[in-house]
Amino acid sequence: MIARLTGALAVALTRLARRLGHHAYLSTSCLHHDHHYCQKHTGKSGAKTPARCKFCTTACVCPCHTALNQQEQP
């Protein structure tokens, strides 16, 4: 129950930060210098969006994605 409430709070805070324009996402795998995992389309739990926040799709701020993120912007 506590894990579920913690997860719900994390989602709510992430969405609020995104709306306020202050959400800077750093992938956990990038934090641990596992950049190839962050860029994959499949994770340990199945399909995932590479280099994006799973709650609001904000791009990862890690320098290993800088060129990739700039190419995706219109």
PDB file of N, CA and C in Angstrom:
ATOM      1  N   MET A   1       0.819  -1.191   0.000  1.00  0.00           N
ATOM      2  CA  MET A   1       0.000   0.000   0.000  1.00  0.00           C
ATOM      3  C   MET A   1       0.869   1.263   0.000  1.00  0.00           C
ATOM      4  N   ILE A   2       1.924   1.276   0.835  1.00  0.00           N
ATOM      5  CA  ILE A   2       2.799   2.445   0.876  1.00  0.00           C
ATOM      6  C   ILE A   2       3.512   2.637  -0.465  1.00  0.00           C
ATOM      7  N   ALA A   3       3.926   1.534  -1.089  1.00  0.00           N
ATOM      8  CA  ALA A   3       4.590   1.628  -2.394  1.00  0.00           C
ATOM      9  C   ALA A   3       3.647   2.220  -3.433  1.00  0.00           C
ATOM     10  N   ARG A   4       2.400   1.824  -3.413  1.00  0.00           N
ATOM     11  CA  ARG A   4       1.416   2.349  -4.365  1.00  0.00           C
ATOM     12  C   ARG A   4       1.200   3.845  -4.155  1.00  0.00           C
ATOM     13  N   LEU A   5       1.091   4.268  -2.887  1.00  0.00           N
ATOM     14  CA  LEU A   5       0.914   5.689  -2.582  1.00  0.00           C
ATOM     15  C   LEU A   5       2.152   6.500  -2.964  1.00  0.00           C
ATOM     16  N   THR A   6       3.323   5.933  -2.733  1.00  0.00           N
ATOM     17  CA  THR A   6       4.566   6.601  -3.106  1.00  0.00           C
ATOM     18  C   THR A   6       4.644   6.770  -4.618  1.00  0.00           C
ATOM     19  N   GLY A   7       4.274   5.732  -5.344  1.00  0.00           N
ATOM     20  CA  GLY A   7       4.260   5.805  -6.808  1.00  0.00           C
ATOM     21  C   GLY A   7       3.273   6.840  -7.313  1.00  0.00           C
ATOM     22  N   ALA A   8       2.078   6.872  -6.724  1.00  0.00           N
ATOM     23  CA  ALA A   8       1.062   7.851  -7.126  1.00  0.00           C
ATOM     24  C   ALA A   8       1.532   9.273  -6.837  1.00  0.00           C
ATOM     25  N   LEU A   9       2.196   9.470  -5.701  1.00  0.00           N
ATOM     26  CA  LEU A   9       2.726  10.783  -5.367  1.00  0.00           C
ATOM     27  C   LEU A   9       3.822  11.194  -6.352  1.00  0.00           C
ATOM     28  N   ALA A  10       4.692  10.267  -6.707  1.00  0.00           N
ATOM     29  CA  ALA A  10       5.758  10.555  -7.677  1.00  0.00           C
ATOM     30  C   ALA A  10       5.177  10.967  -9.024  1.00  0.00           C
ATOM     31  N   VAL A  11       4.143  10.268  -9.462  1.00  0.00           N
ATOM     32  CA  VAL A  11       3.488  10.608 -10.732  1.00  0.00           C
ATOM     33  C   VAL A  11       2.870  11.995 -10.647  1.00  0.00           C
ATOM     34  N   ALA A  12       2.154  12.276  -9.575  1.00  0.00           N
ATOM     35  CA  ALA A  12       1.497  13.575  -9.417  1.00  0.00           C
ATOM     36  C   ALA A  12       2.517  14.718  -9.385  1.00  0.00           C
ATOM     37  N   LEU A  13       3.613  14.538  -8.655  1.00  0.00           N
ATOM     38  CA  LEU A  13       4.640  15.581  -8.584  1.00  0.00           C
ATOM     39  C   LEU A  13       5.344  15.779  -9.925  1.00  0.00           C
ATOM     40  N   THR A  14       5.579  14.698 -10.642  1.00  0.00           N
ATOM     41  CA  THR A  14       6.207  14.795 -11.957  1.00  0.00           C
ATOM     42  C   THR A  14       5.313  15.559 -12.925  1.00  0.00           C
ATOM     43  N   ARG A  15       4.033  15.246 -12.927  1.00  0.00           N
ATOM     44  CA  ARG A  15       3.091  15.946 -13.821  1.00  0.00           C
ATOM     45  C   ARG A  15       2.969  17.416 -13.453  1.00  0.00           C
ATOM     46  N   LEU A  16       2.942  17.726 -12.168  1.00  0.00           N
ATOM     47  CA  LEU A  16       2.885  19.119 -11.726  1.00  0.00           C
ATOM     48  C   LEU A  16       4.141  19.866 -12.156  1.00  0.00           C
ATOM     49  N   ALA A  17       5.297  19.262 -11.963  1.00  0.00           N
ATOM     50  CA  ALA A  17       6.553  19.896 -12.373  1.00  0.00           C
ATOM     51  C   ALA A  17       6.567  20.146 -13.872  1.00  0.00           C
ATOM     52  N   ARG A  18       6.054  19.206 -14.636  1.00  0.00           N
ATOM     53  CA  ARG A  18       6.003  19.361 -16.096  1.00  0.00           C
ATOM     54  C   ARG A  18       5.110  20.532 -16.478  1.00  0.00           C
ATOM     55  N   ARG A  19       3.955  20.643 -15.836  1.00  0.00           N
ATOM     56  CA  ARG A  19       3.040  21.752 -16.125  1.00  0.00           C
ATOM     57  C   ARG A  19       3.662  23.096 -15.769  1.00  0.00           C
ATOM     58  N   LEU A  20       4.435  23.125 -14.699  1.00  0.00           N
ATOM     59  CA  LEU A  20       5.085  24.362 -14.281  1.00  0.00           C
ATOM     60  C   LEU A  20       6.349  24.659 -15.088  1.00  0.00           C
ATOM     61  N   GLY A  21       6.771  23.701 -15.898  1.00  0.00           N
ATOM     62  CA  GLY A  21       7.944  23.889 -16.746  1.00  0.00           C
ATOM     63  C   GLY A  21       9.266  23.667 -16.049  1.00  0.00           C
ATOM     64  N   HIS A  22       9.269  22.908 -14.950  1.00  0.00           N
ATOM     65  CA  HIS A  22      10.490  22.706 -14.187  1.00  0.00           C
ATOM     66  C   HIS A  22      10.925  21.253 -14.105  1.00  0.00           C
ATOM     67  N   HIS A  23      10.404  20.392 -14.953  1.00  0.00           N
ATOM     68  CA  HIS A  23      10.756  18.976 -14.869  1.00  0.00           C
ATOM     69  C   HIS A  23      11.997  18.693 -15.697  1.00  0.00           C
ATOM     70  N   ALA A  24      13.076  18.316 -15.046  1.00  0.00           N
ATOM     71  CA  ALA A  24      14.295  17.903 -15.726  1.00  0.00           C
ATOM     72  C   ALA A  24      14.479  16.422 -15.424  1.00  0.00           C
ATOM     73  N   TYR A  25      14.347  15.599 -16.434  1.00  0.00           N
ATOM     74  CA  TYR A  25      14.389  14.153 -16.266  1.00  0.00           C
ATOM     75  C   TYR A  25      15.780  13.612 -16.566  1.00  0.00           C
ATOM     76  N   LEU A  26      16.308  12.795 -15.668  1.00  0.00           N
ATOM     77  CA  LEU A  26      17.552  12.070 -15.900  1.00  0.00           C
ATOM     78  C   LEU A  26      17.252  10.593 -15.696  1.00  0.00           C
ATOM     79  N   SER A  27      17.416   9.830 -16.730  1.00  0.00           N
ATOM     80  CA  SER A  27      17.170   8.401 -16.665  1.00  0.00           C
ATOM     81  C   SER A  27      18.036   7.750 -15.594  1.00  0.00           C
ATOM     82  N   THR A  28      17.471   6.814 -14.870  1.00  0.00           N
ATOM     83  CA  THR A  28      18.222   6.094 -13.840  1.00  0.00           C
ATOM     84  C   THR A  28      19.416   5.373 -14.452  1.00  0.00           C
ATOM     85  N   SER A  29      19.217   4.826 -15.648  1.00  0.00           N
ATOM     86  CA  SER A  29      20.342   4.129 -16.290  1.00  0.00           C
ATOM     87  C   SER A  29      21.459   5.104 -16.659  1.00  0.00           C
ATOM     88  N   CYS A  30      21.120   6.317 -17.076  1.00  0.00           N
ATOM     89  CA  CYS A  30      22.151   7.316 -17.363  1.00  0.00           C
ATOM     90  C   CYS A  30      22.840   7.750 -16.074  1.00  0.00           C
ATOM     91  N   LEU A  31      22.082   7.860 -15.004  1.00  0.00           N
ATOM     92  CA  LEU A  31      22.659   8.210 -13.708  1.00  0.00           C
ATOM     93  C   LEU A  31      23.733   7.209 -13.309  1.00  0.00           C
ATOM     94  N   HIS A  32      23.526   5.948 -13.662  1.00  0.00           N
ATOM     95  CA  HIS A  32      24.476   4.888 -13.331  1.00  0.00           C
ATOM     96  C   HIS A  32      25.410   4.567 -14.496  1.00  0.00           C
ATOM     97  N   HIS A  33      25.507   5.467 -15.469  1.00  0.00           N
ATOM     98  CA  HIS A  33      26.401   5.346 -16.626  1.00  0.00           C
ATOM     99  C   HIS A  33      26.120   4.096 -17.467  1.00  0.00           C
ATOM    100  N   ASP A  34      24.866   3.745 -17.578  1.00  0.00           N
ATOM    101  CA  ASP A  34      24.453   2.599 -18.399  1.00  0.00           C
ATOM    102  C   ASP A  34      23.660   3.150 -19.589  1.00  0.00           C
ATOM    103  N   HIS A  35      24.314   3.976 -20.408  1.00  0.00           N
ATOM    104  CA  HIS A  35      23.641   4.732 -21.467  1.00  0.00           C
ATOM    105  C   HIS A  35      23.013   3.849 -22.542  1.00  0.00           C
ATOM    106  N   HIS A  36      23.618   2.728 -22.850  1.00  0.00           N
ATOM    107  CA  HIS A  36      23.046   1.866 -23.883  1.00  0.00           C
ATOM    108  C   HIS A  36      21.682   1.315 -23.449  1.00  0.00           C
ATOM    109  N   TYR A  37      21.473   1.101 -22.158  1.00  0.00           N
ATOM    110  CA  TYR A  37      20.169   0.610 -21.684  1.00  0.00           C
ATOM    111  C   TYR A  37      19.103   1.691 -21.846  1.00  0.00           C
ATOM    112  N   CYS A  38      19.447   2.933 -21.543  1.00  0.00           N
ATOM    113  CA  CYS A  38      18.488   4.032 -21.657  1.00  0.00           C
ATOM    114  C   CYS A  38      18.016   4.209 -23.095  1.00  0.00           C
ATOM    115  N   GLN A  39      18.873   3.928 -24.050  1.00  0.00           N
ATOM    116  CA  GLN A  39      18.547   4.163 -25.447  1.00  0.00           C
ATOM    117  C   GLN A  39      17.819   2.996 -26.111  1.00  0.00           C
ATOM    118  N   LYS A  40      17.672   1.885 -25.387  1.00  0.00           N
ATOM    119  CA  LYS A  40      16.975   0.721 -25.944  1.00  0.00           C
ATOM    120  C   LYS A  40      15.458   0.932 -25.968  1.00  0.00           C
ATOM    121  N   HIS A  41      14.790   0.202 -26.840  1.00  0.00           N
ATOM    122  CA  HIS A  41      13.317   0.233 -26.900  1.00  0.00           C
ATOM    123  C   HIS A  41      12.696  -0.835 -26.012  1.00  0.00           C
ATOM    124  N   THR A  42      13.498  -1.729 -25.473  1.00  0.00           N
ATOM    125  CA  THR A  42      13.007  -2.783 -24.594  1.00  0.00           C
ATOM    126  C   THR A  42      13.802  -2.768 -23.300  1.00  0.00           C
ATOM    127  N   GLY A  43      13.088  -2.763 -22.185  1.00  0.00           N
ATOM    128  CA  GLY A  43      13.730  -2.757 -20.878  1.00  0.00           C
ATOM    129  C   GLY A  43      13.540  -4.081 -20.171  1.00  0.00           C
ATOM    130  N   LYS A  44      13.902  -4.127 -18.909  1.00  0.00           N
ATOM    131  CA  LYS A  44      13.776  -5.347 -18.121  1.00  0.00           C
ATOM    132  C   LYS A  44      12.318  -5.755 -17.924  1.00  0.00           C
ATOM    133  N   SER A  45      11.405  -4.783 -17.998  1.00  0.00           N
ATOM    134  CA  SER A  45       9.980  -5.063 -17.803  1.00  0.00           C
ATOM    135  C   SER A  45       9.204  -5.053 -19.111  1.00  0.00           C
ATOM    136  N   GLY A  46       9.880  -5.025 -20.242  1.00  0.00           N
ATOM    137  CA  GLY A  46       9.191  -5.034 -21.532  1.00  0.00           C
ATOM    138  C   GLY A  46       9.444  -3.757 -22.323  1.00  0.00           C
ATOM    139  N   ALA A  47       8.492  -3.405 -23.177  1.00  0.00           N
ATOM    140  CA  ALA A  47       8.639  -2.251 -24.067  1.00  0.00           C
ATOM    141  C   ALA A  47       8.738  -0.950 -23.270  1.00  0.00           C
ATOM    142  N   LYS A  48       9.565  -0.017 -23.780  1.00  0.00           N
ATOM    143  CA  LYS A  48       9.715   1.285 -23.154  1.00  0.00           C
ATOM    144  C   LYS A  48      10.067   2.312 -24.216  1.00  0.00           C
ATOM    145  N   THR A  49       9.896   3.573 -23.886  1.00  0.00           N
ATOM    146  CA  THR A  49      10.287   4.649 -24.787  1.00  0.00           C
ATOM    147  C   THR A  49      11.683   5.097 -24.393  1.00  0.00           C
ATOM    148  N   PRO A  50      12.650   4.977 -25.283  1.00  0.00           N
ATOM    149  CA  PRO A  50      14.026   5.309 -24.910  1.00  0.00           C
ATOM    150  C   PRO A  50      14.217   6.789 -24.599  1.00  0.00           C
ATOM    151  N   ALA A  51      14.983   7.067 -23.544  1.00  0.00           N
ATOM    152  CA  ALA A  51      15.406   8.420 -23.178  1.00  0.00           C
ATOM    153  C   ALA A  51      14.246   9.355 -22.870  1.00  0.00           C
ATOM    154  N   ARG A  52      13.150   8.828 -22.357  1.00  0.00           N
ATOM    155  CA  ARG A  52      11.965   9.632 -22.032  1.00  0.00           C
ATOM    156  C   ARG A  52      11.415   9.250 -20.668  1.00  0.00           C
ATOM    157  N   CYS A  53      10.861  10.214 -19.965  1.00  0.00           N
ATOM    158  CA  CYS A  53      10.180   9.960 -18.697  1.00  0.00           C
ATOM    159  C   CYS A  53       8.936   9.132 -18.974  1.00  0.00           C
ATOM    160  N   LYS A  54       8.732   8.067 -18.221  1.00  0.00           N
ATOM    161  CA  LYS A  54       7.583   7.200 -18.478  1.00  0.00           C
ATOM    162  C   LYS A  54       6.274   7.814 -18.019  1.00  0.00           C
ATOM    163  N   PHE A  55       6.325   8.898 -17.250  1.00  0.00           N
ATOM    164  CA  PHE A  55       5.107   9.527 -16.770  1.00  0.00           C
ATOM    165  C   PHE A  55       4.650  10.689 -17.641  1.00  0.00           C
ATOM    166  N   CYS A  56       5.601  11.427 -18.236  1.00  0.00           N
ATOM    167  CA  CYS A  56       5.191  12.627 -18.987  1.00  0.00           C
ATOM    168  C   CYS A  56       5.949  12.802 -20.302  1.00  0.00           C
ATOM    169  N   THR A  57       6.776  11.877 -20.697  1.00  0.00           N
ATOM    170  CA  THR A  57       7.557  11.873 -21.943  1.00  0.00           C
ATOM    171  C   THR A  57       8.587  13.004 -22.061  1.00  0.00           C
ATOM    172  N   THR A  58       8.975  13.624 -20.960  1.00  0.00           N
ATOM    173  CA  THR A  58      10.053  14.609 -21.006  1.00  0.00           C
ATOM    174  C   THR A  58      11.348  13.898 -21.397  1.00  0.00           C
ATOM    175  N   ALA A  59      12.130  14.543 -22.246  1.00  0.00           N
ATOM    176  CA  ALA A  59      13.383  13.944 -22.718  1.00  0.00           C
ATOM    177  C   ALA A  59      14.437  13.919 -21.621  1.00  0.00           C
ATOM    178  N   CYS A  60      15.263  12.900 -21.635  1.00  0.00           N
ATOM    179  CA  CYS A  60      16.376  12.767 -20.695  1.00  0.00           C
ATOM    180  C   CYS A  60      17.387  13.883 -20.965  1.00  0.00           C
ATOM    181  N   VAL A  61      17.910  14.491 -19.911  1.00  0.00           N
ATOM    182  CA  VAL A  61      18.845  15.608 -20.049  1.00  0.00           C
ATOM    183  C   VAL A  61      20.301  15.170 -20.138  1.00  0.00           C
ATOM    184  N   CYS A  62      20.555  13.888 -20.145  1.00  0.00           N
ATOM    185  CA  CYS A  62      21.919  13.382 -20.215  1.00  0.00           C
ATOM    186  C   CYS A  62      22.567  13.802 -21.542  1.00  0.00           C
ATOM    187  N   PRO A  63      23.831  14.223 -21.507  1.00  0.00           N
ATOM    188  CA  PRO A  63      24.519  14.617 -22.734  1.00  0.00           C
ATOM    189  C   PRO A  63      24.559  13.518 -23.800  1.00  0.00           C
ATOM    190  N   CYS A  64      24.422  12.251 -23.402  1.00  0.00           N
ATOM    191  CA  CYS A  64      24.466  11.188 -24.404  1.00  0.00           C
ATOM    192  C   CYS A  64      23.247  11.225 -25.325  1.00  0.00           C
ATOM    193  N   HIS A  65      22.214  11.989 -24.965  1.00  0.00           N
ATOM    194  CA  HIS A  65      21.011  12.096 -25.788  1.00  0.00           C
ATOM    195  C   HIS A  65      20.879  13.443 -26.487  1.00  0.00           C
ATOM    196  N   THR A  66      21.794  14.351 -26.270  1.00  0.00           N
ATOM    197  CA  THR A  66      21.657  15.709 -26.783  1.00  0.00           C
ATOM    198  C   THR A  66      21.419  15.732 -28.289  1.00  0.00           C
ATOM    199  N   ALA A  67      22.232  15.050 -29.041  1.00  0.00           N
ATOM    200  CA  ALA A  67      22.073  15.029 -30.502  1.00  0.00           C
ATOM    201  C   ALA A  67      20.759  14.375 -30.891  1.00  0.00           C
ATOM    202  N   LEU A  68      20.392  13.294 -30.218  1.00  0.00           N
ATOM    203  CA  LEU A  68      19.144  12.598 -30.499  1.00  0.00           C
ATOM    204  C   LEU A  68      17.949  13.500 -30.233  1.00  0.00           C
ATOM    205  N   ASN A  69      17.918  14.198 -29.105  1.00  0.00           N
ATOM    206  CA  ASN A  69      16.799  15.066 -28.741  1.00  0.00           C
ATOM    207  C   ASN A  69      16.679  16.243 -29.686  1.00  0.00           C
ATOM    208  N   GLN A  70      17.796  16.809 -30.140  1.00  0.00           N
ATOM    209  CA  GLN A  70      17.748  17.938 -31.048  1.00  0.00           C
ATOM    210  C   GLN A  70      17.225  17.535 -32.419  1.00  0.00           C
ATOM    211  N   GLN A  71      17.509  16.307 -32.836  1.00  0.00           N
ATOM    212  CA  GLN A  71      17.016  15.817 -34.128  1.00  0.00           C
ATOM    213  C   GLN A  71      15.515  15.607 -34.104  1.00  0.00           C
ATOM    214  N   GLU A  72      14.939  15.264 -32.955  1.00  0.00           N
ATOM    215  CA  GLU A  72      13.506  14.990 -32.857  1.00  0.00           C
ATOM    216  C   GLU A  72      12.679  16.260 -32.817  1.00  0.00           C
ATOM    217  N   GLN A  73      13.270  17.410 -32.417  1.00  0.00           N
ATOM    218  CA  GLN A  73      12.526  18.653 -32.303  1.00  0.00           C
ATOM    219  C   GLN A  73      12.265  19.177 -33.707  1.00  0.00           C
ATOM    220  N   PRO A  74      11.042  19.718 -33.968  1.00  0.00           N
ATOM    221  CA  PRO A  74      10.716  20.250 -35.303  1.00  0.00           C
ATOM    222  C   PRO A  74      11.483  21.513 -35.619  1.00  0.00           C
TER     223      PRO A  74
END
